[in-house]
Amino acid sequence: MVPVDDAVLLRGRMAVPAGARGLVVLARGSDSTRESPRLALTSRLFQAMGLGTLLLDLLTSEEMEERRTRQLRFNMGLLGLRMAGAARWLQRESPIPDLRVGYFGAHTGAGAALSAAANRPELVDAVVSRGGRPDLAGAVLPRVRAPTLLLVGGADALGLDINRRAHAALQAPKHMEIIPGATHHFQEDAELERVAELAGEWFLQHLGSPRHAEEPASGP
């Protein structure tokens, strides 16, 4: 269980390979869970690239069981705070606390990731959105400072429009990559492997050095 604030515990699954070069919090849409097969595959591919992962449910068990969740599922402020809370916990409690943290969000999880990056920029060093709804972060998008990669399927007409608008709104270092032939769901294993490759390279580029490595040396 991951304590994201004083009162809320979220279900999560963490794996940190030996010699990890960064930690990635992965969250799908809040109507899904860490048991999502596509998210689990992405997590395993990240680990093979040398990245630690935390698969995170954005809603509690009780919230998932209650069918009043639509308001919660689209509350990007709340879900972003929970994602940032997980990053704060990682920096305090992970096996290698000096590792930098990135966010990987799919579907509505992308909005939560970008909201978290905008409101608590000191906790995150890179963001990747896969087939996501970055537009749900709304007016806070220009406040994101972390380098952001938007991955979108070439066969997802609505997603292309949404992501192009979000890309234009972002002021941080950014890139948008179109996966030819992929739909909103990235259903083929080859598509997911390409997504993981691109996202993993982005994270390794921006998370590859420990936080303390950039701290100036104190006094003579």
Protein backbone atom coordinates (compact mmCIF):
# COMPACT_ATOMS: atom_id res chain seq x y z
CA MET A 1 0.00 0.00 0.00
CA VAL A 2 1.23 3.48 -0.88
CA PRO A 3 0.42 6.36 1.51
CA VAL A 4 -0.27 9.33 -0.77
CA ASP A 5 -1.36 11.59 2.08
CA ASP A 6 -2.15 11.31 5.78
CA ALA A 7 -5.52 9.67 5.18
CA VAL A 8 -5.35 7.76 1.87
CA LEU A 9 -3.64 4.48 1.03
CA LEU A 10 -3.55 3.34 -2.59
CA ARG A 11 -2.77 -0.09 -3.95
CA GLY A 12 0.52 -0.29 -5.80
CA ARG A 13 3.12 -2.75 -7.02
CA MET A 14 6.79 -1.71 -7.08
CA ALA A 15 9.78 -3.37 -8.74
CA VAL A 16 13.28 -1.90 -8.80
CA PRO A 17 15.88 -3.78 -10.85
CA ALA A 18 19.51 -3.81 -9.77
CA GLY A 19 21.30 -0.70 -11.00
CA ALA A 20 18.04 1.13 -11.75
CA ARG A 21 18.51 4.49 -13.46
CA GLY A 22 15.19 6.03 -12.48
CA LEU A 23 11.73 5.29 -11.07
CA VAL A 24 8.48 5.56 -13.04
CA VAL A 25 5.00 5.85 -11.54
CA LEU A 26 2.53 4.25 -13.99
CA ALA A 27 -1.17 5.04 -13.81
CA ARG A 28 -3.86 4.17 -16.34
CA GLY A 29 -7.26 5.76 -16.45
CA SER A 30 -8.82 5.84 -13.01
CA ASP A 31 -11.54 3.46 -14.23
CA SER A 32 -8.84 0.80 -14.52
CA THR A 33 -6.28 -0.68 -12.12
CA ARG A 34 -2.65 -1.72 -11.91
CA GLU A 35 -3.85 -5.14 -13.13
CA SER A 36 -4.27 -3.74 -16.65
CA PRO A 37 -2.40 -6.20 -18.94
CA ARG A 38 -1.09 -3.41 -21.19
CA LEU A 39 0.18 -1.40 -18.25
CA ALA A 40 1.78 -4.49 -16.71
CA LEU A 41 3.56 -5.28 -19.99
CA THR A 42 4.84 -1.72 -20.23
CA SER A 43 6.10 -1.95 -16.66
CA ARG A 44 8.03 -5.15 -17.40
CA LEU A 45 9.59 -3.62 -20.50
CA PHE A 46 10.67 -0.56 -18.47
CA GLN A 47 12.29 -2.85 -15.91
CA ALA A 48 14.21 -4.62 -18.69
CA MET A 49 15.56 -1.20 -19.71
CA GLY A 50 16.81 -0.52 -16.19
CA LEU A 51 13.94 1.53 -14.78
CA GLY A 52 12.18 0.91 -11.49
CA THR A 53 8.39 0.97 -11.67
CA LEU A 54 5.43 1.61 -9.39
CA LEU A 55 2.10 0.46 -10.84
CA LEU A 56 -0.49 2.57 -9.04
CA ASP A 57 -4.25 2.53 -8.63
CA LEU A 58 -5.49 6.13 -8.46
CA LEU A 59 -8.67 5.22 -6.57
CA THR A 60 -9.01 3.31 -3.31
CA SER A 61 -10.69 -0.11 -3.21
CA GLU A 62 -13.82 1.48 -1.73
CA GLU A 63 -13.95 4.16 -4.42
CA MET A 64 -13.57 1.56 -7.16
CA GLU A 65 -16.39 -0.55 -5.71
CA GLU A 66 -18.81 2.33 -5.42
CA ARG A 67 -20.47 3.25 -8.68
CA ARG A 68 -20.38 6.94 -7.91
CA THR A 69 -16.90 7.24 -9.32
CA ARG A 70 -17.45 9.32 -12.46
CA GLN A 71 -16.90 12.55 -10.54
CA LEU A 72 -13.72 11.12 -9.02
CA ARG A 73 -12.45 9.64 -12.29
CA PHE A 74 -12.37 13.07 -13.90
CA ASN A 75 -11.16 15.02 -10.87
CA MET A 76 -7.66 15.69 -12.19
CA GLY A 77 -6.80 17.91 -9.23
CA LEU A 78 -7.47 15.09 -6.77
CA LEU A 79 -5.87 12.36 -8.88
CA GLY A 80 -2.86 14.55 -9.59
CA LEU A 81 -2.36 15.13 -5.87
CA ARG A 82 -2.42 11.37 -5.35
CA MET A 83 0.14 10.79 -8.07
CA ALA A 84 2.38 13.47 -6.60
CA GLY A 85 1.91 11.90 -3.17
CA ALA A 86 3.20 8.60 -4.56
CA ALA A 87 6.26 10.37 -5.97
CA ARG A 88 6.90 12.01 -2.60
CA TRP A 89 6.66 8.60 -0.90
CA LEU A 90 9.07 7.10 -3.44
CA GLN A 91 11.66 9.78 -2.76
CA ARG A 92 11.41 9.05 0.96
CA GLU A 93 10.88 5.28 1.05
CA SER A 94 12.16 3.69 -2.15
CA PRO A 95 15.18 1.36 -1.99
CA ILE A 96 17.22 4.04 -3.81
CA PRO A 97 15.78 7.39 -2.69
CA ASP A 98 18.19 9.42 -4.82
CA LEU A 99 16.63 8.15 -8.04
CA ARG A 100 14.71 10.65 -10.13
CA VAL A 101 11.00 10.04 -10.67
CA GLY A 102 8.95 10.08 -13.87
CA TYR A 103 5.21 9.75 -14.55
CA PHE A 104 3.67 7.49 -17.20
CA GLY A 105 -0.03 8.09 -17.71
CA ALA A 106 -2.45 6.35 -20.07
CA HIS A 107 -5.94 7.57 -20.95
CA THR A 108 -7.23 9.77 -18.08
CA GLY A 109 -4.07 8.86 -16.18
CA ALA A 110 -2.24 11.23 -18.53
CA GLY A 111 -4.30 14.14 -17.26
CA ALA A 112 -3.51 13.14 -13.67
CA ALA A 113 0.20 12.87 -14.45
CA LEU A 114 0.35 16.30 -16.06
CA SER A 115 -1.72 17.85 -13.28
CA ALA A 116 0.69 16.38 -10.74
CA ALA A 117 3.67 17.66 -12.73
CA ALA A 118 2.19 21.15 -12.91
CA ASN A 119 1.20 21.45 -9.25
CA ARG A 120 4.22 19.72 -7.65
CA PRO A 121 7.01 20.24 -10.20
CA GLU A 122 9.78 19.52 -7.70
CA LEU A 123 8.70 15.86 -7.44
CA VAL A 124 8.99 14.79 -11.10
CA ASP A 125 11.64 15.01 -13.81
CA ALA A 126 9.87 13.57 -16.90
CA VAL A 127 6.34 12.74 -18.09
CA VAL A 128 5.05 10.40 -20.80
CA SER A 129 1.42 10.26 -21.97
CA ARG A 130 0.31 7.18 -23.93
CA GLY A 131 -2.91 7.46 -25.90
CA GLY A 132 -3.88 9.83 -23.18
CA ARG A 133 -6.15 12.71 -22.34
CA PRO A 134 -3.58 15.42 -21.60
CA ASP A 135 -6.32 17.96 -22.24
CA LEU A 136 -7.90 16.96 -18.92
CA ALA A 137 -5.07 18.81 -17.17
CA GLY A 138 -6.64 21.92 -18.68
CA ALA A 139 -5.33 25.33 -17.70
CA VAL A 140 -2.35 23.98 -15.74
CA LEU A 141 -0.61 22.53 -18.83
CA PRO A 142 1.57 25.64 -19.36
CA ARG A 143 2.86 25.23 -15.77
CA VAL A 144 4.38 21.80 -16.44
CA ARG A 145 8.17 22.06 -16.26
CA ALA A 146 9.15 18.41 -16.70
CA PRO A 147 10.12 17.29 -20.24
CA THR A 148 6.98 15.70 -21.69
CA LEU A 149 6.52 13.08 -24.40
CA LEU A 150 3.08 12.57 -25.97
CA LEU A 151 2.56 9.19 -27.66
CA VAL A 152 -0.54 8.88 -29.83
CA GLY A 153 -1.86 6.33 -32.34
CA GLY A 154 -1.87 7.33 -35.98
CA ALA A 155 -5.34 5.80 -36.41
CA ASP A 156 -6.77 7.73 -33.44
CA ALA A 157 -8.22 10.84 -35.11
CA LEU A 158 -9.69 12.32 -31.92
CA GLY A 159 -6.55 11.54 -29.94
CA LEU A 160 -4.38 13.23 -32.56
CA ASP A 161 -6.40 16.43 -32.29
CA ILE A 162 -6.42 16.36 -28.48
CA ASN A 163 -2.68 15.72 -28.26
CA ARG A 164 -1.78 18.36 -30.84
CA ARG A 165 -3.67 20.95 -28.80
CA ALA A 166 -1.99 19.80 -25.59
CA HIS A 167 1.42 19.87 -27.27
CA ALA A 168 0.83 23.46 -28.31
CA ALA A 169 -0.16 24.43 -24.75
CA LEU A 170 2.88 22.85 -23.09
CA GLN A 171 5.75 25.23 -22.39
CA ALA A 172 8.20 22.59 -21.11
CA PRO A 173 10.60 20.66 -23.37
CA LYS A 174 8.23 18.45 -25.34
CA HIS A 175 7.83 16.01 -28.19
CA MET A 176 4.86 14.31 -29.81
CA GLU A 177 5.37 10.91 -31.45
CA ILE A 178 2.75 9.27 -33.67
CA ILE A 179 2.68 5.45 -33.73
CA PRO A 180 1.60 4.49 -37.29
CA GLY A 181 -1.58 2.42 -37.47
CA ALA A 182 -2.17 2.34 -33.71
CA THR A 183 -5.60 3.09 -32.27
CA HIS A 184 -6.50 4.72 -28.97
CA HIS A 185 -6.05 1.38 -27.16
CA PHE A 186 -2.65 0.27 -28.56
CA GLN A 187 -3.95 -3.30 -28.70
CA GLU A 188 -1.05 -4.98 -30.52
CA ASP A 189 1.99 -6.19 -28.60
CA ALA A 190 4.27 -4.66 -31.24
CA GLU A 191 2.63 -1.27 -30.68
CA LEU A 192 3.05 -1.54 -26.91
CA GLU A 193 6.68 -2.56 -27.33
CA ARG A 194 7.30 0.50 -29.51
CA VAL A 195 5.58 2.70 -26.93
CA ALA A 196 7.72 1.24 -24.14
CA GLU A 197 10.87 1.71 -26.20
CA LEU A 198 10.15 5.38 -26.91
CA ALA A 199 8.94 6.09 -23.37
CA GLY A 200 11.85 4.22 -21.78
CA GLU A 201 14.38 6.15 -23.85
CA TRP A 202 12.70 9.40 -22.80
CA PHE A 203 12.86 8.44 -19.13
CA LEU A 204 16.47 7.26 -19.34
CA GLN A 205 17.42 10.54 -21.00
CA HIS A 206 15.83 12.65 -18.26
CA LEU A 207 16.08 10.43 -15.18
CA GLY A 208 19.51 8.97 -15.80
CA SER A 209 21.45 10.75 -13.06
CA PRO A 210 20.74 10.65 -9.30
CA ARG A 211 19.35 13.80 -7.72
CA HIS A 212 22.36 14.35 -5.48
CA ALA A 213 24.67 14.35 -8.52
CA GLU A 214 23.52 17.87 -9.43
CA GLU A 215 23.75 19.31 -5.94
CA PRO A 216 26.64 21.77 -5.60
CA ALA A 217 29.41 20.78 -3.29
CA SER A 218 29.27 22.44 0.10
CA GLY A 219 32.15 24.63 1.39
CA PRO A 220 35.84 23.92 0.98
